[in-house]
Amino acid sequence: MTDLAERICAEMSSLEFVDCSYPMLSSWGVRDEDVLIHSLGCSAWNELGSELGFMAVTECPVPMTHGADIRADSTWFSRTQRTPEVLIEFERFDGTDRGQRKLDEKLCNLLEASVRWGDAPSVLILSAWNKGIVSAPNKEVFAQRCRQGFKSSVGAQVPPLRNTAVLFSRFIFEIECSGTLLLKQIRCERLM
């Protein structure tokens, strides 16, 4: 398996990697307090990037060519090319329309960040986490956004993606009797 997107999906389609690296998420239990789950999720993504041979950076700002400040939750740099190869956003999803819009906003950040990095990233990952049973996000909206592009908040055109894989990942937590959350399932699939 030489395709990077396939390698990432293989690692993030089971609990094995997270179990070994961040057992607080999957076996110890974690409270949904402040941004703890976000911090742990970003750390897990960074750890995977490191294990796959990249230099992984949290909250790495993208170059300012126009518009707002964008910081991907995790950016994996190629050690040989010295450019970002993977950009990741890790976001809470509550199953509501508002939650869908928030995920779409994060996808737009990834798409705009990719443009600002000169289309260097070969993989963009929108990773959502939820607790309990919630409705699934509308992935077709995400795929359409990638195929059509959009206008940023400052009116700059972000073109459709070419030659970039887009993955959608879900971390699904169950609520334990004690009130802690345990990661019970991870899904990862290719949108584009």
N, C-alpha and C. Protein backbone atom coordinates (compact mmCIF):
# COMPACT_ATOMS: atom_id res chain seq x y z
N MET A 1 0.85 -1.18 0.00
CA MET A 1 0.00 0.00 0.00
C MET A 1 0.89 1.24 0.00
N THR A 2 1.10 1.85 -1.15
CA THR A 2 1.98 3.00 -1.22
C THR A 2 1.23 4.31 -1.22
N ASP A 3 -0.04 4.31 -1.54
CA ASP A 3 -0.82 5.54 -1.57
C ASP A 3 -1.01 6.06 -0.14
N LEU A 4 -0.59 7.32 0.09
CA LEU A 4 -0.65 7.89 1.43
C LEU A 4 -2.07 7.91 1.99
N ALA A 5 -3.04 8.31 1.18
CA ALA A 5 -4.43 8.35 1.65
C ALA A 5 -4.88 6.96 2.10
N GLU A 6 -4.51 5.92 1.37
CA GLU A 6 -4.87 4.55 1.75
C GLU A 6 -4.19 4.15 3.06
N ARG A 7 -2.94 4.55 3.23
CA ARG A 7 -2.22 4.23 4.46
C ARG A 7 -2.88 4.88 5.66
N ILE A 8 -3.28 6.14 5.49
CA ILE A 8 -3.94 6.87 6.59
C ILE A 8 -5.27 6.19 6.92
N CYS A 9 -6.06 5.90 5.89
CA CYS A 9 -7.35 5.24 6.13
C CYS A 9 -7.17 3.89 6.82
N ALA A 10 -6.16 3.15 6.42
CA ALA A 10 -5.92 1.85 7.04
C ALA A 10 -5.63 2.00 8.54
N GLU A 11 -4.83 2.99 8.90
CA GLU A 11 -4.48 3.21 10.31
C GLU A 11 -5.65 3.77 11.11
N MET A 12 -6.47 4.60 10.48
CA MET A 12 -7.55 5.27 11.20
C MET A 12 -8.92 4.67 10.91
N SER A 13 -8.95 3.40 10.57
CA SER A 13 -10.22 2.70 10.38
C SER A 13 -10.42 1.64 11.45
N SER A 14 -9.54 1.61 12.42
CA SER A 14 -9.71 0.71 13.56
C SER A 14 -9.20 1.43 14.79
N LEU A 15 -9.49 0.87 15.94
CA LEU A 15 -9.06 1.49 17.20
C LEU A 15 -7.63 1.15 17.58
N GLU A 16 -6.98 0.26 16.85
CA GLU A 16 -5.66 -0.23 17.24
C GLU A 16 -4.64 0.89 17.45
N PHE A 17 -4.51 1.78 16.48
CA PHE A 17 -3.52 2.86 16.60
C PHE A 17 -3.81 3.76 17.80
N VAL A 18 -5.07 4.18 17.95
CA VAL A 18 -5.43 5.07 19.05
C VAL A 18 -5.28 4.35 20.39
N ASP A 19 -5.67 3.07 20.43
CA ASP A 19 -5.51 2.27 21.65
C ASP A 19 -4.07 2.26 22.14
N CYS A 20 -3.15 2.09 21.21
CA CYS A 20 -1.72 2.04 21.57
C CYS A 20 -1.17 3.41 21.93
N SER A 21 -1.57 4.43 21.20
CA SER A 21 -0.98 5.76 21.37
C SER A 21 -1.68 6.64 22.40
N TYR A 22 -3.00 6.58 22.44
CA TYR A 22 -3.78 7.45 23.32
C TYR A 22 -4.89 6.67 24.00
N PRO A 23 -4.54 5.77 24.93
CA PRO A 23 -5.54 4.93 25.58
C PRO A 23 -6.56 5.72 26.40
N MET A 24 -6.24 6.97 26.73
CA MET A 24 -7.21 7.80 27.45
C MET A 24 -8.51 7.91 26.64
N LEU A 25 -8.38 7.94 25.30
CA LEU A 25 -9.55 8.06 24.44
C LEU A 25 -10.36 6.77 24.38
N SER A 26 -9.68 5.64 24.33
CA SER A 26 -10.36 4.40 24.01
C SER A 26 -10.53 3.41 25.15
N SER A 27 -9.73 3.51 26.20
CA SER A 27 -9.90 2.54 27.29
C SER A 27 -9.91 3.17 28.68
N TRP A 28 -9.25 4.27 28.87
CA TRP A 28 -9.27 4.91 30.19
C TRP A 28 -10.57 5.67 30.41
N GLY A 29 -11.04 6.34 29.35
CA GLY A 29 -12.19 7.22 29.47
C GLY A 29 -11.74 8.66 29.67
N VAL A 30 -12.48 9.56 29.09
CA VAL A 30 -12.12 10.97 29.14
C VAL A 30 -13.38 11.80 29.34
N ARG A 31 -13.27 12.84 30.10
CA ARG A 31 -14.40 13.76 30.30
C ARG A 31 -14.44 14.77 29.16
N ASP A 32 -15.63 15.15 28.78
CA ASP A 32 -15.81 16.17 27.75
C ASP A 32 -15.74 17.53 28.43
N GLU A 33 -14.53 17.93 28.74
CA GLU A 33 -14.30 19.20 29.44
C GLU A 33 -13.44 20.11 28.58
N ASP A 34 -13.90 21.35 28.42
CA ASP A 34 -13.17 22.36 27.67
C ASP A 34 -12.78 21.78 26.30
N VAL A 35 -11.51 21.78 25.96
CA VAL A 35 -11.07 21.28 24.64
C VAL A 35 -10.21 20.02 24.78
N LEU A 36 -10.40 19.26 25.85
CA LEU A 36 -9.57 18.08 26.09
C LEU A 36 -9.65 17.07 24.95
N ILE A 37 -10.85 16.74 24.50
CA ILE A 37 -10.97 15.76 23.42
C ILE A 37 -10.35 16.30 22.14
N HIS A 38 -10.53 17.57 21.89
CA HIS A 38 -9.89 18.19 20.72
C HIS A 38 -8.37 18.06 20.82
N SER A 39 -7.81 18.35 21.99
CA SER A 39 -6.36 18.25 22.18
C SER A 39 -5.87 16.81 21.98
N LEU A 40 -6.59 15.86 22.54
CA LEU A 40 -6.20 14.45 22.38
C LEU A 40 -6.33 13.99 20.93
N GLY A 41 -7.41 14.40 20.27
CA GLY A 41 -7.59 14.02 18.87
C GLY A 41 -6.51 14.61 17.98
N CYS A 42 -6.18 15.87 18.18
CA CYS A 42 -5.11 16.50 17.39
C CYS A 42 -3.78 15.81 17.68
N SER A 43 -3.56 15.44 18.95
CA SER A 43 -2.33 14.74 19.31
C SER A 43 -2.25 13.38 18.63
N ALA A 44 -3.38 12.68 18.57
CA ALA A 44 -3.40 11.37 17.89
C ALA A 44 -3.07 11.53 16.42
N TRP A 45 -3.66 12.52 15.77
CA TRP A 45 -3.35 12.75 14.36
C TRP A 45 -1.88 13.10 14.19
N ASN A 46 -1.32 13.94 15.07
CA ASN A 46 0.11 14.27 14.98
C ASN A 46 0.97 13.03 15.17
N GLU A 47 0.60 12.20 16.12
CA GLU A 47 1.36 10.96 16.37
C GLU A 47 1.36 10.08 15.13
N LEU A 48 0.22 9.96 14.48
CA LEU A 48 0.16 9.15 13.26
C LEU A 48 1.08 9.75 12.20
N GLY A 49 1.05 11.07 12.06
CA GLY A 49 1.93 11.72 11.09
C GLY A 49 3.39 11.40 11.36
N SER A 50 3.78 11.47 12.63
CA SER A 50 5.16 11.15 13.01
C SER A 50 5.49 9.70 12.69
N GLU A 51 4.58 8.78 13.01
CA GLU A 51 4.82 7.37 12.74
C GLU A 51 4.93 7.07 11.25
N LEU A 52 4.26 7.88 10.43
CA LEU A 52 4.32 7.68 8.99
C LEU A 52 5.50 8.43 8.36
N GLY A 53 6.35 9.05 9.21
CA GLY A 53 7.58 9.66 8.72
C GLY A 53 7.53 11.15 8.45
N PHE A 54 6.47 11.80 8.88
CA PHE A 54 6.34 13.24 8.66
C PHE A 54 6.73 14.03 9.91
N MET A 55 6.99 15.31 9.74
CA MET A 55 7.13 16.21 10.86
C MET A 55 5.74 16.82 11.08
N ALA A 56 5.10 16.46 12.18
CA ALA A 56 3.72 16.88 12.43
C ALA A 56 3.69 18.09 13.36
N VAL A 57 2.91 19.10 12.99
CA VAL A 57 2.83 20.35 13.73
C VAL A 57 1.37 20.64 14.06
N THR A 58 1.11 21.02 15.30
CA THR A 58 -0.23 21.41 15.72
C THR A 58 -0.42 22.91 15.52
N GLU A 59 -1.63 23.29 15.05
CA GLU A 59 -1.99 24.70 14.89
C GLU A 59 -0.99 25.48 14.05
N CYS A 60 -0.53 24.89 12.97
CA CYS A 60 0.45 25.54 12.09
C CYS A 60 -0.26 26.56 11.21
N PRO A 61 0.13 27.84 11.30
CA PRO A 61 -0.51 28.85 10.45
C PRO A 61 -0.11 28.67 8.99
N VAL A 62 -1.06 28.88 8.11
CA VAL A 62 -0.77 28.80 6.67
C VAL A 62 -0.30 30.18 6.20
N PRO A 63 0.42 30.22 5.08
CA PRO A 63 0.88 31.53 4.58
C PRO A 63 -0.29 32.48 4.36
N MET A 64 -0.07 33.74 4.66
CA MET A 64 -1.11 34.77 4.50
C MET A 64 -1.01 35.36 3.10
N THR A 65 -1.83 34.90 2.20
CA THR A 65 -1.87 35.49 0.86
C THR A 65 -3.07 36.41 0.74
N HIS A 66 -4.11 36.10 1.44
CA HIS A 66 -5.33 36.92 1.47
C HIS A 66 -6.24 36.34 2.54
N GLY A 67 -7.16 37.13 3.00
CA GLY A 67 -8.19 36.61 3.90
C GLY A 67 -7.75 36.41 5.33
N ALA A 68 -8.48 35.56 6.00
CA ALA A 68 -8.35 35.34 7.43
C ALA A 68 -7.17 34.43 7.77
N ASP A 69 -6.78 34.49 9.03
CA ASP A 69 -5.77 33.61 9.58
C ASP A 69 -6.34 32.19 9.64
N ILE A 70 -5.64 31.24 9.06
CA ILE A 70 -6.07 29.84 9.08
C ILE A 70 -4.96 29.02 9.70
N ARG A 71 -5.32 28.15 10.64
CA ARG A 71 -4.37 27.24 11.27
C ARG A 71 -4.98 25.85 11.24
N ALA A 72 -4.39 24.97 10.47
CA ALA A 72 -4.86 23.59 10.46
C ALA A 72 -4.55 22.97 11.82
N ASP A 73 -5.45 22.11 12.30
CA ASP A 73 -5.23 21.46 13.60
C ASP A 73 -3.96 20.61 13.58
N SER A 74 -3.69 19.96 12.46
CA SER A 74 -2.48 19.16 12.32
C SER A 74 -1.98 19.31 10.89
N THR A 75 -0.70 19.60 10.75
CA THR A 75 -0.07 19.73 9.44
C THR A 75 1.14 18.81 9.43
N TRP A 76 1.20 17.94 8.43
CA TRP A 76 2.31 17.00 8.31
C TRP A 76 3.23 17.47 7.19
N PHE A 77 4.46 17.77 7.53
CA PHE A 77 5.44 18.23 6.55
C PHE A 77 6.30 17.07 6.06
N SER A 78 6.53 17.04 4.76
CA SER A 78 7.47 16.10 4.17
C SER A 78 8.87 16.50 4.63
N ARG A 79 9.62 15.55 5.14
CA ARG A 79 10.98 15.85 5.60
C ARG A 79 11.94 16.09 4.44
N THR A 80 11.63 15.52 3.27
CA THR A 80 12.51 15.71 2.12
C THR A 80 12.14 16.95 1.31
N GLN A 81 10.84 17.16 1.07
CA GLN A 81 10.40 18.30 0.28
C GLN A 81 10.27 19.59 1.10
N ARG A 82 10.12 19.41 2.43
CA ARG A 82 9.96 20.55 3.36
C ARG A 82 8.69 21.35 3.08
N THR A 83 7.69 20.65 2.61
CA THR A 83 6.39 21.26 2.33
C THR A 83 5.31 20.45 3.03
N PRO A 84 4.14 21.07 3.28
CA PRO A 84 3.06 20.31 3.92
C PRO A 84 2.47 19.28 2.96
N GLU A 85 2.36 18.05 3.46
CA GLU A 85 1.82 16.96 2.66
C GLU A 85 0.38 16.64 3.05
N VAL A 86 0.04 16.84 4.35
CA VAL A 86 -1.28 16.52 4.86
C VAL A 86 -1.74 17.64 5.78
N LEU A 87 -3.01 18.06 5.61
CA LEU A 87 -3.65 19.05 6.48
C LEU A 87 -4.88 18.40 7.10
N ILE A 88 -5.07 18.62 8.42
CA ILE A 88 -6.18 17.97 9.12
C ILE A 88 -6.92 18.98 9.99
N GLU A 89 -8.23 18.90 9.97
CA GLU A 89 -9.09 19.62 10.91
C GLU A 89 -9.84 18.57 11.72
N PHE A 90 -9.85 18.73 13.04
CA PHE A 90 -10.52 17.81 13.96
C PHE A 90 -11.59 18.60 14.71
N GLU A 91 -12.85 18.25 14.52
CA GLU A 91 -13.95 19.09 15.00
C GLU A 91 -15.07 18.27 15.62
N ARG A 92 -15.68 18.82 16.65
CA ARG A 92 -16.86 18.21 17.27
C ARG A 92 -18.04 18.31 16.29
N PHE A 93 -18.84 17.24 16.26
CA PHE A 93 -20.06 17.24 15.45
C PHE A 93 -21.22 16.77 16.31
N ASP A 94 -22.29 17.56 16.36
CA ASP A 94 -23.41 17.22 17.23
C ASP A 94 -24.64 16.70 16.48
N GLY A 95 -24.54 16.53 15.16
CA GLY A 95 -25.65 15.98 14.39
C GLY A 95 -26.67 17.00 13.93
N THR A 96 -26.47 18.28 14.27
CA THR A 96 -27.43 19.33 13.89
C THR A 96 -27.02 20.00 12.59
N ASP A 97 -27.92 20.82 12.06
CA ASP A 97 -27.59 21.63 10.88
C ASP A 97 -26.44 22.57 11.19
N ARG A 98 -26.45 23.11 12.39
CA ARG A 98 -25.35 24.00 12.81
C ARG A 98 -24.02 23.23 12.81
N GLY A 99 -24.05 22.00 13.29
CA GLY A 99 -22.86 21.16 13.28
C GLY A 99 -22.38 20.87 11.86
N GLN A 100 -23.32 20.63 10.95
CA GLN A 100 -22.97 20.41 9.53
C GLN A 100 -22.29 21.65 8.96
N ARG A 101 -22.83 22.83 9.27
CA ARG A 101 -22.24 24.07 8.77
C ARG A 101 -20.83 24.27 9.33
N LYS A 102 -20.63 23.89 10.59
CA LYS A 102 -19.31 24.02 11.21
C LYS A 102 -18.30 23.10 10.51
N LEU A 103 -18.70 21.88 10.20
CA LEU A 103 -17.80 20.97 9.47
C LEU A 103 -17.50 21.51 8.08
N ASP A 104 -18.51 22.08 7.42
CA ASP A 104 -18.31 22.66 6.10
C ASP A 104 -17.32 23.82 6.19
N GLU A 105 -17.44 24.63 7.23
CA GLU A 105 -16.51 25.74 7.45
C GLU A 105 -15.08 25.22 7.62
N LYS A 106 -14.92 24.13 8.35
CA LYS A 106 -13.59 23.54 8.55
C LYS A 106 -13.04 22.98 7.24
N LEU A 107 -13.91 22.39 6.42
CA LEU A 107 -13.48 21.91 5.11
C LEU A 107 -13.04 23.08 4.25
N CYS A 108 -13.78 24.18 4.29
CA CYS A 108 -13.38 25.38 3.54
C CYS A 108 -12.00 25.86 4.00
N ASN A 109 -11.75 25.81 5.31
CA ASN A 109 -10.42 26.18 5.81
C ASN A 109 -9.34 25.29 5.19
N LEU A 110 -9.61 23.99 5.13
CA LEU A 110 -8.64 23.06 4.54
C LEU A 110 -8.39 23.38 3.06
N LEU A 111 -9.48 23.63 2.34
CA LEU A 111 -9.35 23.92 0.90
C LEU A 111 -8.58 25.22 0.67
N GLU A 112 -8.90 26.25 1.45
CA GLU A 112 -8.18 27.52 1.30
C GLU A 112 -6.73 27.39 1.75
N ALA A 113 -6.49 26.64 2.81
CA ALA A 113 -5.12 26.42 3.28
C ALA A 113 -4.30 25.72 2.20
N SER A 114 -4.90 24.75 1.53
CA SER A 114 -4.21 24.03 0.47
C SER A 114 -3.76 24.99 -0.63
N VAL A 115 -4.65 25.90 -1.01
CA VAL A 115 -4.32 26.90 -2.03
C VAL A 115 -3.18 27.78 -1.54
N ARG A 116 -3.25 28.23 -0.30
CA ARG A 116 -2.20 29.10 0.24
C ARG A 116 -0.85 28.41 0.34
N TRP A 117 -0.86 27.10 0.48
CA TRP A 117 0.40 26.34 0.50
C TRP A 117 0.82 25.98 -0.93
N GLY A 118 0.22 26.61 -1.92
CA GLY A 118 0.61 26.35 -3.31
C GLY A 118 0.19 24.99 -3.81
N ASP A 119 -0.93 24.49 -3.29
CA ASP A 119 -1.46 23.16 -3.65
C ASP A 119 -0.46 22.04 -3.36
N ALA A 120 0.43 22.26 -2.38
CA ALA A 120 1.42 21.25 -2.00
C ALA A 120 0.79 20.03 -1.31
N PRO A 121 -0.18 20.22 -0.41
CA PRO A 121 -0.72 19.03 0.28
C PRO A 121 -1.35 18.04 -0.70
N SER A 122 -1.04 16.77 -0.49
CA SER A 122 -1.64 15.74 -1.33
C SER A 122 -2.87 15.12 -0.67
N VAL A 123 -3.02 15.36 0.66
CA VAL A 123 -4.17 14.81 1.39
C VAL A 123 -4.72 15.87 2.34
N LEU A 124 -6.04 16.02 2.30
CA LEU A 124 -6.76 16.86 3.26
C LEU A 124 -7.69 15.93 4.05
N ILE A 125 -7.75 16.13 5.37
CA ILE A 125 -8.58 15.26 6.20
C ILE A 125 -9.52 16.10 7.06
N LEU A 126 -10.80 15.88 6.88
CA LEU A 126 -11.81 16.45 7.76
C LEU A 126 -12.19 15.36 8.73
N SER A 127 -11.86 15.56 9.99
CA SER A 127 -12.08 14.55 11.02
C SER A 127 -13.08 15.09 12.04
N ALA A 128 -14.18 14.38 12.20
CA ALA A 128 -15.24 14.82 13.13
C ALA A 128 -15.34 13.82 14.28
N TRP A 129 -15.70 14.34 15.45
CA TRP A 129 -15.95 13.43 16.57
C TRP A 129 -17.33 13.74 17.14
N ASN A 130 -17.97 12.69 17.64
CA ASN A 130 -19.27 12.90 18.28
C ASN A 130 -19.40 11.97 19.47
N LYS A 131 -20.28 12.39 20.38
CA LYS A 131 -20.58 11.54 21.54
C LYS A 131 -22.03 11.10 21.44
N GLY A 132 -22.23 9.84 21.76
CA GLY A 132 -23.58 9.30 21.68
C GLY A 132 -24.03 9.14 20.23
N ILE A 133 -25.31 8.90 20.08
CA ILE A 133 -25.88 8.69 18.75
C ILE A 133 -26.31 10.03 18.18
N VAL A 134 -25.77 10.36 17.02
CA VAL A 134 -26.17 11.57 16.30
C VAL A 134 -26.36 11.20 14.84
N SER A 135 -27.08 12.04 14.12
CA SER A 135 -27.24 11.79 12.70
C SER A 135 -25.89 11.96 11.99
N ALA A 136 -25.72 11.27 10.90
CA ALA A 136 -24.47 11.34 10.14
C ALA A 136 -24.39 12.65 9.37
N PRO A 137 -23.20 13.19 9.23
CA PRO A 137 -23.04 14.39 8.41
C PRO A 137 -23.34 14.06 6.95
N ASN A 138 -23.75 15.07 6.20
CA ASN A 138 -24.02 14.91 4.78
C ASN A 138 -22.70 15.01 4.03
N LYS A 139 -22.11 13.86 3.71
CA LYS A 139 -20.80 13.83 3.06
C LYS A 139 -20.87 14.31 1.62
N GLU A 140 -22.02 14.19 0.98
CA GLU A 140 -22.14 14.66 -0.40
C GLU A 140 -21.94 16.18 -0.48
N VAL A 141 -22.38 16.90 0.53
CA VAL A 141 -22.15 18.36 0.58
C VAL A 141 -20.65 18.64 0.59
N PHE A 142 -19.90 17.84 1.34
CA PHE A 142 -18.44 18.03 1.41
C PHE A 142 -17.79 17.73 0.05
N ALA A 143 -18.20 16.63 -0.57
CA ALA A 143 -17.63 16.26 -1.87
C ALA A 143 -17.95 17.32 -2.92
N GLN A 144 -19.16 17.84 -2.88
CA GLN A 144 -19.55 18.89 -3.82
C GLN A 144 -18.72 20.15 -3.61
N ARG A 145 -18.47 20.51 -2.38
CA ARG A 145 -17.64 21.68 -2.06
C ARG A 145 -16.25 21.51 -2.67
N CYS A 146 -15.70 20.31 -2.56
CA CYS A 146 -14.37 20.03 -3.11
C CYS A 146 -14.36 20.10 -4.63
N ARG A 147 -15.45 19.63 -5.25
CA ARG A 147 -15.54 19.61 -6.72
C ARG A 147 -15.80 20.99 -7.31
N GLN A 148 -16.49 21.86 -6.54
CA GLN A 148 -16.90 23.14 -7.09
C GLN A 148 -16.09 24.33 -6.60
N GLY A 149 -15.40 24.21 -5.47
CA GLY A 149 -14.71 25.36 -4.91
C GLY A 149 -15.72 26.30 -4.27
N PHE A 150 -15.27 27.50 -3.90
CA PHE A 150 -16.15 28.46 -3.25
C PHE A 150 -15.47 29.82 -3.19
N LYS A 151 -16.23 30.83 -2.78
CA LYS A 151 -15.67 32.16 -2.53
C LYS A 151 -15.44 32.31 -1.04
N SER A 152 -14.25 32.75 -0.68
CA SER A 152 -13.92 32.91 0.74
C SER A 152 -14.67 34.11 1.32
N SER A 153 -14.54 34.28 2.63
CA SER A 153 -15.25 35.38 3.32
C SER A 153 -14.81 36.75 2.82
N VAL A 154 -13.63 36.84 2.20
CA VAL A 154 -13.16 38.13 1.66
C VAL A 154 -13.33 38.20 0.15
N GLY A 155 -14.05 37.23 -0.42
CA GLY A 155 -14.36 37.26 -1.84
C GLY A 155 -13.34 36.62 -2.75
N ALA A 156 -12.31 36.00 -2.20
CA ALA A 156 -11.31 35.32 -3.03
C ALA A 156 -11.87 33.97 -3.49
N GLN A 157 -11.64 33.65 -4.75
CA GLN A 157 -12.11 32.38 -5.29
C GLN A 157 -11.16 31.25 -4.89
N VAL A 158 -11.70 30.23 -4.25
CA VAL A 158 -10.94 29.01 -3.93
C VAL A 158 -11.39 27.98 -4.96
N PRO A 159 -10.48 27.57 -5.85
CA PRO A 159 -10.88 26.69 -6.95
C PRO A 159 -11.18 25.27 -6.50
N PRO A 160 -11.83 24.50 -7.39
CA PRO A 160 -12.06 23.07 -7.10
C PRO A 160 -10.72 22.36 -6.94
N LEU A 161 -10.74 21.26 -6.21
CA LEU A 161 -9.52 20.48 -5.99
C LEU A 161 -9.15 19.70 -7.24
N ARG A 162 -7.85 19.58 -7.45
CA ARG A 162 -7.29 18.71 -8.48
C ARG A 162 -6.13 17.97 -7.84
N ASN A 163 -6.03 16.71 -8.04
CA ASN A 163 -4.88 15.92 -7.59
C ASN A 163 -4.67 15.93 -6.08
N THR A 164 -5.72 16.15 -5.31
CA THR A 164 -5.63 16.11 -3.85
C THR A 164 -6.69 15.14 -3.34
N ALA A 165 -6.27 14.22 -2.49
CA ALA A 165 -7.22 13.28 -1.88
C ALA A 165 -7.87 13.97 -0.68
N VAL A 166 -9.15 13.73 -0.51
CA VAL A 166 -9.87 14.26 0.65
C VAL A 166 -10.46 13.08 1.41
N LEU A 167 -10.11 13.00 2.70
CA LEU A 167 -10.61 11.92 3.55
C LEU A 167 -11.58 12.50 4.57
N PHE A 168 -12.57 11.69 4.93
CA PHE A 168 -13.49 12.06 6.00
C PHE A 168 -13.38 11.00 7.07
N SER A 169 -13.11 11.44 8.29
CA SER A 169 -12.91 10.54 9.42
C SER A 169 -13.91 10.87 10.51
N ARG A 170 -14.38 9.83 11.20
CA ARG A 170 -15.26 10.03 12.36
C ARG A 170 -14.74 9.25 13.54
N PHE A 171 -14.66 9.92 14.68
CA PHE A 171 -14.36 9.30 15.97
C PHE A 171 -15.69 9.27 16.71
N ILE A 172 -16.19 8.08 17.01
CA ILE A 172 -17.50 7.92 17.64
C ILE A 172 -17.32 7.46 19.08
N PHE A 173 -17.74 8.30 20.02
CA PHE A 173 -17.61 8.03 21.44
C PHE A 173 -18.95 7.58 22.02
N GLU A 174 -18.89 6.68 23.00
CA GLU A 174 -20.06 6.32 23.79
C GLU A 174 -19.94 6.98 25.15
N ILE A 175 -21.09 7.32 25.72
CA ILE A 175 -21.13 7.93 27.04
C ILE A 175 -21.28 6.82 28.06
N GLU A 176 -20.31 6.70 28.96
CA GLU A 176 -20.33 5.68 30.00
C GLU A 176 -21.21 6.14 31.17
N CYS A 177 -21.61 5.21 32.03
CA CYS A 177 -22.44 5.53 33.20
C CYS A 177 -21.77 6.57 34.09
N SER A 178 -20.45 6.55 34.14
CA SER A 178 -19.70 7.49 34.97
C SER A 178 -19.67 8.90 34.37
N GLY A 179 -20.15 9.02 33.13
CA GLY A 179 -20.13 10.31 32.46
C GLY A 179 -18.91 10.51 31.58
N THR A 180 -17.96 9.59 31.66
CA THR A 180 -16.80 9.70 30.78
C THR A 180 -17.16 9.20 29.38
N LEU A 181 -16.35 9.56 28.43
CA LEU A 181 -16.52 9.13 27.05
C LEU A 181 -15.46 8.11 26.71
N LEU A 182 -15.84 7.10 25.96
CA LEU A 182 -14.90 6.11 25.45
C LEU A 182 -15.05 6.03 23.93
N LEU A 183 -13.94 6.13 23.24
CA LEU A 183 -13.94 5.99 21.79
C LEU A 183 -14.24 4.53 21.44
N LYS A 184 -15.33 4.31 20.74
CA LYS A 184 -15.77 2.95 20.42
C LYS A 184 -15.58 2.58 18.95
N GLN A 185 -15.46 3.61 18.10
CA GLN A 185 -15.35 3.30 16.68
C GLN A 185 -14.67 4.47 15.97
N ILE A 186 -13.84 4.13 14.99
CA ILE A 186 -13.26 5.13 14.10
C ILE A 186 -13.58 4.69 12.68
N ARG A 187 -13.99 5.63 11.89
CA ARG A 187 -14.24 5.37 10.47
C ARG A 187 -13.41 6.36 9.67
N CYS A 188 -12.90 5.91 8.56
CA CYS A 188 -12.15 6.80 7.67
C CYS A 188 -12.44 6.37 6.25
N GLU A 189 -12.82 7.33 5.41
CA GLU A 189 -13.14 7.01 4.03
C GLU A 189 -12.69 8.13 3.12
N ARG A 190 -12.50 7.78 1.88
CA ARG A 190 -12.06 8.76 0.88
C ARG A 190 -13.29 9.43 0.26
N LEU A 191 -13.33 10.76 0.31
CA LEU A 191 -14.41 11.51 -0.35
C LEU A 191 -14.04 11.82 -1.80
N MET A 192 -12.77 12.07 -2.00
CA MET A 192 -12.26 12.41 -3.34
C MET A 192 -10.87 11.85 -3.51
